[in-house]
Amino acid sequence: MEIIIKTVKNKRDKCLFTVACGKKRTADLYYSEMIGLVSALTMPEERPTQLLLTEQQIHEIDKYLKK
């Protein structure tokens, strides 16, 4: 899905962003809000990096890295 980002300056000379993705749209986002939204939209459904390791797996990884 295509993500469109537009930059707008408001009356106080601040940069605000508008993000559109499909039929959904947000307006007047600050930079950090825009980055968070875009990263959330582009993340895959399955996130294997969020799996928790058991203590034994952590020790095995430590042994491997110390070699």
PDB file of N, CA and C in Angstrom:
ATOM      1  N   MET A   1       0.841  -1.174   0.000  1.00  0.00           N
ATOM      2  CA  MET A   1       0.000   0.000   0.000  1.00  0.00           C
ATOM      3  C   MET A   1       0.891   1.244   0.000  1.00  0.00           C
ATOM      4  N   GLU A   2       0.532   2.211  -0.767  1.00  0.00           N
ATOM      5  CA  GLU A   2       1.325   3.427  -0.911  1.00  0.00           C
ATOM      6  C   GLU A   2       1.057   4.391   0.247  1.00  0.00           C
ATOM      7  N   ILE A   3       2.133   4.962   0.783  1.00  0.00           N
ATOM      8  CA  ILE A   3       2.041   5.957   1.853  1.00  0.00           C
ATOM      9  C   ILE A   3       2.484   7.294   1.275  1.00  0.00           C
ATOM     10  N   ILE A   4       1.635   8.302   1.398  1.00  0.00           N
ATOM     11  CA  ILE A   4       1.927   9.635   0.875  1.00  0.00           C
ATOM     12  C   ILE A   4       2.109  10.587   2.052  1.00  0.00           C
ATOM     13  N   ILE A   5       3.230  11.316   2.049  1.00  0.00           N
ATOM     14  CA  ILE A   5       3.521  12.270   3.125  1.00  0.00           C
ATOM     15  C   ILE A   5       3.629  13.661   2.515  1.00  0.00           C
ATOM     16  N   LYS A   6       2.886  14.615   3.062  1.00  0.00           N
ATOM     17  CA  LYS A   6       2.936  16.003   2.598  1.00  0.00           C
ATOM     18  C   LYS A   6       3.341  16.897   3.760  1.00  0.00           C
ATOM     19  N   THR A   7       4.134  17.921   3.464  1.00  0.00           N
ATOM     20  CA  THR A   7       4.586  18.865   4.478  1.00  0.00           C
ATOM     21  C   THR A   7       3.809  20.169   4.333  1.00  0.00           C
ATOM     22  N   VAL A   8       3.363  20.707   5.471  1.00  0.00           N
ATOM     23  CA  VAL A   8       2.600  21.952   5.480  1.00  0.00           C
ATOM     24  C   VAL A   8       3.171  22.848   6.572  1.00  0.00           C
ATOM     25  N   LYS A   9       3.258  24.146   6.302  1.00  0.00           N
ATOM     26  CA  LYS A   9       3.677  25.088   7.349  1.00  0.00           C
ATOM     27  C   LYS A   9       2.436  25.775   7.894  1.00  0.00           C
ATOM     28  N   ASN A  10       2.360  25.848   9.227  1.00  0.00           N
ATOM     29  CA  ASN A  10       1.210  26.520   9.828  1.00  0.00           C
ATOM     30  C   ASN A  10       1.542  27.988  10.099  1.00  0.00           C
ATOM     31  N   LYS A  11       0.654  28.684  10.784  1.00  0.00           N
ATOM     32  CA  LYS A  11       0.813  30.121  11.025  1.00  0.00           C
ATOM     33  C   LYS A  11       2.033  30.451  11.876  1.00  0.00           C
ATOM     34  N   ARG A  12       2.449  29.536  12.714  1.00  0.00           N
ATOM     35  CA  ARG A  12       3.604  29.781  13.589  1.00  0.00           C
ATOM     36  C   ARG A  12       4.916  29.345  12.950  1.00  0.00           C
ATOM     37  N   ASP A  13       4.922  29.096  11.649  1.00  0.00           N
ATOM     38  CA  ASP A  13       6.103  28.643  10.913  1.00  0.00           C
ATOM     39  C   ASP A  13       6.614  27.290  11.378  1.00  0.00           C
ATOM     40  N   LYS A  14       5.733  26.463  11.880  1.00  0.00           N
ATOM     41  CA  LYS A  14       6.099  25.099  12.269  1.00  0.00           C
ATOM     42  C   LYS A  14       5.760  24.171  11.112  1.00  0.00           C
ATOM     43  N   CYS A  15       6.599  23.153  10.929  1.00  0.00           N
ATOM     44  CA  CYS A  15       6.348  22.154   9.895  1.00  0.00           C
ATOM     45  C   CYS A  15       5.395  21.103  10.444  1.00  0.00           C
ATOM     46  N   LEU A  16       4.313  20.877   9.757  1.00  0.00           N
ATOM     47  CA  LEU A  16       3.371  19.830  10.112  1.00  0.00           C
ATOM     48  C   LEU A  16       3.255  18.873   8.929  1.00  0.00           C
ATOM     49  N   PHE A  17       2.882  17.638   9.219  1.00  0.00           N
ATOM     50  CA  PHE A  17       2.839  16.612   8.181  1.00  0.00           C
ATOM     51  C   PHE A  17       1.445  16.022   8.063  1.00  0.00           C
ATOM     52  N   THR A  18       1.094  15.654   6.837  1.00  0.00           N
ATOM     53  CA  THR A  18      -0.132  14.926   6.550  1.00  0.00           C
ATOM     54  C   THR A  18       0.280  13.584   5.963  1.00  0.00           C
ATOM     55  N   VAL A  19      -0.270  12.503   6.510  1.00  0.00           N
ATOM     56  CA  VAL A  19       0.055  11.157   6.037  1.00  0.00           C
ATOM     57  C   VAL A  19      -1.224  10.519   5.512  1.00  0.00           C
ATOM     58  N   ALA A  20      -1.153   9.983   4.289  1.00  0.00           N
ATOM     59  CA  ALA A  20      -2.288   9.291   3.690  1.00  0.00           C
ATOM     60  C   ALA A  20      -1.851   7.889   3.298  1.00  0.00           C
ATOM     61  N   CYS A  21      -2.702   6.917   3.625  1.00  0.00           N
ATOM     62  CA  CYS A  21      -2.428   5.519   3.291  1.00  0.00           C
ATOM     63  C   CYS A  21      -3.764   4.886   2.900  1.00  0.00           C
ATOM     64  N   GLY A  22      -3.926   4.644   1.608  1.00  0.00           N
ATOM     65  CA  GLY A  22      -5.210   4.123   1.137  1.00  0.00           C
ATOM     66  C   GLY A  22      -6.297   5.178   1.324  1.00  0.00           C
ATOM     67  N   LYS A  23      -7.397   4.795   1.968  1.00  0.00           N
ATOM     68  CA  LYS A  23      -8.495   5.733   2.207  1.00  0.00           C
ATOM     69  C   LYS A  23      -8.354   6.475   3.532  1.00  0.00           C
ATOM     70  N   LYS A  24      -7.353   6.089   4.341  1.00  0.00           N
ATOM     71  CA  LYS A  24      -7.154   6.725   5.647  1.00  0.00           C
ATOM     72  C   LYS A  24      -6.192   7.897   5.512  1.00  0.00           C
ATOM     73  N   ARG A  25      -6.421   8.925   6.352  1.00  0.00           N
ATOM     74  CA  ARG A  25      -5.622  10.139   6.271  1.00  0.00           C
ATOM     75  C   ARG A  25      -5.544  10.795   7.639  1.00  0.00           C
ATOM     76  N   THR A  26      -4.369  11.307   7.992  1.00  0.00           N
ATOM     77  CA  THR A  26      -4.213  12.103   9.215  1.00  0.00           C
ATOM     78  C   THR A  26      -3.610  13.444   8.829  1.00  0.00           C
ATOM     79  N   ALA A  27      -3.872  14.453   9.601  1.00  0.00           N
ATOM     80  CA  ALA A  27      -3.356  15.782   9.290  1.00  0.00           C
ATOM     81  C   ALA A  27      -2.759  16.422  10.539  1.00  0.00           C
ATOM     82  N   ASP A  28      -1.900  17.407  10.310  1.00  0.00           N
ATOM     83  CA  ASP A  28      -1.287  18.215  11.368  1.00  0.00           C
ATOM     84  C   ASP A  28      -0.520  17.380  12.386  1.00  0.00           C
ATOM     85  N   LEU A  29       0.361  16.522  11.891  1.00  0.00           N
ATOM     86  CA  LEU A  29       1.219  15.724  12.766  1.00  0.00           C
ATOM     87  C   LEU A  29       2.581  16.394  12.874  1.00  0.00           C
ATOM     88  N   TYR A  30       3.167  16.346  14.063  1.00  0.00           N
ATOM     89  CA  TYR A  30       4.549  16.787  14.216  1.00  0.00           C
ATOM     90  C   TYR A  30       5.464  15.688  13.707  1.00  0.00           C
ATOM     91  N   TYR A  31       6.763  16.002  13.564  1.00  0.00           N
ATOM     92  CA  TYR A  31       7.710  15.065  12.966  1.00  0.00           C
ATOM     93  C   TYR A  31       7.725  13.716  13.684  1.00  0.00           C
ATOM     94  N   SER A  32       7.824  13.718  15.005  1.00  0.00           N
ATOM     95  CA  SER A  32       7.910  12.454  15.750  1.00  0.00           C
ATOM     96  C   SER A  32       6.631  11.629  15.602  1.00  0.00           C
ATOM     97  N   GLU A  33       5.487  12.284  15.552  1.00  0.00           N
ATOM     98  CA  GLU A  33       4.222  11.569  15.347  1.00  0.00           C
ATOM     99  C   GLU A  33       4.167  10.946  13.959  1.00  0.00           C
ATOM    100  N   MET A  34       4.644  11.697  12.957  1.00  0.00           N
ATOM    101  CA  MET A  34       4.646  11.203  11.585  1.00  0.00           C
ATOM    102  C   MET A  34       5.568   9.994  11.443  1.00  0.00           C
ATOM    103  N   ILE A  35       6.765  10.070  12.047  1.00  0.00           N
ATOM    104  CA  ILE A  35       7.709   8.953  11.977  1.00  0.00           C
ATOM    105  C   ILE A  35       7.115   7.706  12.647  1.00  0.00           C
ATOM    106  N   GLY A  36       6.479   7.876  13.805  1.00  0.00           N
ATOM    107  CA  GLY A  36       5.853   6.753  14.497  1.00  0.00           C
ATOM    108  C   GLY A  36       4.754   6.109  13.673  1.00  0.00           C
ATOM    109  N   LEU A  37       3.938   6.930  13.042  1.00  0.00           N
ATOM    110  CA  LEU A  37       2.842   6.409  12.219  1.00  0.00           C
ATOM    111  C   LEU A  37       3.373   5.662  11.002  1.00  0.00           C
ATOM    112  N   VAL A  38       4.344   6.228  10.318  1.00  0.00           N
ATOM    113  CA  VAL A  38       4.904   5.579   9.134  1.00  0.00           C
ATOM    114  C   VAL A  38       5.586   4.268   9.510  1.00  0.00           C
ATOM    115  N   SER A  39       6.308   4.247  10.629  1.00  0.00           N
ATOM    116  CA  SER A  39       6.963   2.995  11.034  1.00  0.00           C
ATOM    117  C   SER A  39       5.927   1.938  11.415  1.00  0.00           C
ATOM    118  N   ALA A  40       4.833   2.342  12.050  1.00  0.00           N
ATOM    119  CA  ALA A  40       3.777   1.383  12.398  1.00  0.00           C
ATOM    120  C   ALA A  40       3.098   0.839  11.133  1.00  0.00           C
ATOM    121  N   LEU A  41       2.926   1.681  10.134  1.00  0.00           N
ATOM    122  CA  LEU A  41       2.277   1.250   8.891  1.00  0.00           C
ATOM    123  C   LEU A  41       3.161   0.317   8.063  1.00  0.00           C
ATOM    124  N   THR A  42       4.471   0.461   8.184  1.00  0.00           N
ATOM    125  CA  THR A  42       5.369  -0.332   7.347  1.00  0.00           C
ATOM    126  C   THR A  42       5.897  -1.586   8.032  1.00  0.00           C
ATOM    127  N   MET A  43       5.559  -1.817   9.291  1.00  0.00           N
ATOM    128  CA  MET A  43       5.996  -3.031   9.984  1.00  0.00           C
ATOM    129  C   MET A  43       5.233  -4.238   9.463  1.00  0.00           C
ATOM    130  N   PRO A  44       5.911  -5.390   9.357  1.00  0.00           N
ATOM    131  CA  PRO A  44       5.217  -6.605   8.925  1.00  0.00           C
ATOM    132  C   PRO A  44       4.256  -7.093  10.007  1.00  0.00           C
ATOM    133  N   GLU A  45       3.284  -7.906   9.603  1.00  0.00           N
ATOM    134  CA  GLU A  45       2.304  -8.429  10.559  1.00  0.00           C
ATOM    135  C   GLU A  45       2.982  -9.270  11.640  1.00  0.00           C
ATOM    136  N   GLU A  46       3.859 -10.191  11.211  1.00  0.00           N
ATOM    137  CA  GLU A  46       4.574 -11.029  12.173  1.00  0.00           C
ATOM    138  C   GLU A  46       5.894 -10.354  12.502  1.00  0.00           C
ATOM    139  N   ARG A  47       6.167 -10.204  13.774  1.00  0.00           N
ATOM    140  CA  ARG A  47       7.387  -9.538  14.212  1.00  0.00           C
ATOM    141  C   ARG A  47       8.219 -10.507  15.043  1.00  0.00           C
ATOM    142  N   PRO A  48       9.062 -11.311  14.384  1.00  0.00           N
ATOM    143  CA  PRO A  48       9.828 -12.329  15.119  1.00  0.00           C
ATOM    144  C   PRO A  48      10.825 -11.735  16.107  1.00  0.00           C
ATOM    145  N   THR A  49      11.197 -10.486  15.951  1.00  0.00           N
ATOM    146  CA  THR A  49      12.159  -9.883  16.873  1.00  0.00           C
ATOM    147  C   THR A  49      11.561  -9.631  18.244  1.00  0.00           C
ATOM    148  N   GLN A  50      10.265  -9.733  18.376  1.00  0.00           N
ATOM    149  CA  GLN A  50       9.623  -9.493  19.659  1.00  0.00           C
ATOM    150  C   GLN A  50       9.459 -10.758  20.489  1.00  0.00           C
ATOM    151  N   LEU A  51      10.006 -11.879  20.008  1.00  0.00           N
ATOM    152  CA  LEU A  51       9.903 -13.112  20.769  1.00  0.00           C
ATOM    153  C   LEU A  51      10.824 -13.052  21.984  1.00  0.00           C
ATOM    154  N   LEU A  52      10.393 -13.608  23.085  1.00  0.00           N
ATOM    155  CA  LEU A  52      11.203 -13.638  24.282  1.00  0.00           C
ATOM    156  C   LEU A  52      12.078 -14.881  24.296  1.00  0.00           C
ATOM    157  N   LEU A  53      13.294 -14.731  24.763  1.00  0.00           N
ATOM    158  CA  LEU A  53      14.214 -15.854  24.854  1.00  0.00           C
ATOM    159  C   LEU A  53      14.180 -16.444  26.259  1.00  0.00           C
ATOM    160  N   THR A  54      14.395 -17.745  26.339  1.00  0.00           N
ATOM    161  CA  THR A  54      14.505 -18.374  27.654  1.00  0.00           C
ATOM    162  C   THR A  54      15.918 -18.115  28.178  1.00  0.00           C
ATOM    163  N   GLU A  55      16.111 -18.357  29.460  1.00  0.00           N
ATOM    164  CA  GLU A  55      17.415 -18.120  30.064  1.00  0.00           C
ATOM    165  C   GLU A  55      18.485 -19.003  29.431  1.00  0.00           C
ATOM    166  N   GLN A  56      18.141 -20.245  29.104  1.00  0.00           N
ATOM    167  CA  GLN A  56      19.088 -21.160  28.475  1.00  0.00           C
ATOM    168  C   GLN A  56      19.509 -20.646  27.097  1.00  0.00           C
ATOM    169  N   GLN A  57      18.566 -20.121  26.324  1.00  0.00           N
ATOM    170  CA  GLN A  57      18.888 -19.587  25.008  1.00  0.00           C
ATOM    171  C   GLN A  57      19.824 -18.379  25.124  1.00  0.00           C
ATOM    172  N   ILE A  58      19.609 -17.558  26.144  1.00  0.00           N
ATOM    173  CA  ILE A  58      20.471 -16.400  26.359  1.00  0.00           C
ATOM    174  C   ILE A  58      21.895 -16.864  26.657  1.00  0.00           C
ATOM    175  N   HIS A  59      22.054 -17.895  27.504  1.00  0.00           N
ATOM    176  CA  HIS A  59      23.383 -18.421  27.821  1.00  0.00           C
ATOM    177  C   HIS A  59      24.060 -19.007  26.579  1.00  0.00           C
ATOM    178  N   GLU A  60      23.296 -19.689  25.734  1.00  0.00           N
ATOM    179  CA  GLU A  60      23.856 -20.252  24.503  1.00  0.00           C
ATOM    180  C   GLU A  60      24.336 -19.134  23.564  1.00  0.00           C
ATOM    181  N   ILE A  61      23.589 -18.080  23.481  1.00  0.00           N
ATOM    182  CA  ILE A  61      23.989 -16.940  22.633  1.00  0.00           C
ATOM    183  C   ILE A  61      25.236 -16.281  23.200  1.00  0.00           C
ATOM    184  N   ASP A  62      25.300 -16.117  24.523  1.00  0.00           N
ATOM    185  CA  ASP A  62      26.478 -15.534  25.162  1.00  0.00           C
ATOM    186  C   ASP A  62      27.722 -16.376  24.893  1.00  0.00           C
ATOM    187  N   LYS A  63      27.599 -17.707  25.004  1.00  0.00           N
ATOM    188  CA  LYS A  63      28.741 -18.594  24.729  1.00  0.00           C
ATOM    189  C   LYS A  63      29.189 -18.454  23.282  1.00  0.00           C
ATOM    190  N   TYR A  64      28.238 -18.372  22.371  1.00  0.00           N
ATOM    191  CA  TYR A  64      28.559 -18.243  20.955  1.00  0.00           C
ATOM    192  C   TYR A  64      29.283 -16.917  20.673  1.00  0.00           C
ATOM    193  N   LEU A  65      28.828 -15.832  21.303  1.00  0.00           N
ATOM    194  CA  LEU A  65      29.431 -14.523  21.056  1.00  0.00           C
ATOM    195  C   LEU A  65      30.810 -14.391  21.686  1.00  0.00           C
ATOM    196  N   LYS A  66      31.081 -15.137  22.747  1.00  0.00           N
ATOM    197  CA  LYS A  66      32.381 -15.049  23.420  1.00  0.00           C
ATOM    198  C   LYS A  66      33.473 -15.810  22.694  1.00  0.00           C
ATOM    199  N   LYS A  67      33.116 -16.637  21.704  1.00  0.00           N
ATOM    200  CA  LYS A  67      34.122 -17.430  20.969  1.00  0.00           C
ATOM    201  C   LYS A  67      35.026 -16.543  20.150  1.00  0.00           C
TER     202      LYS A  67
END
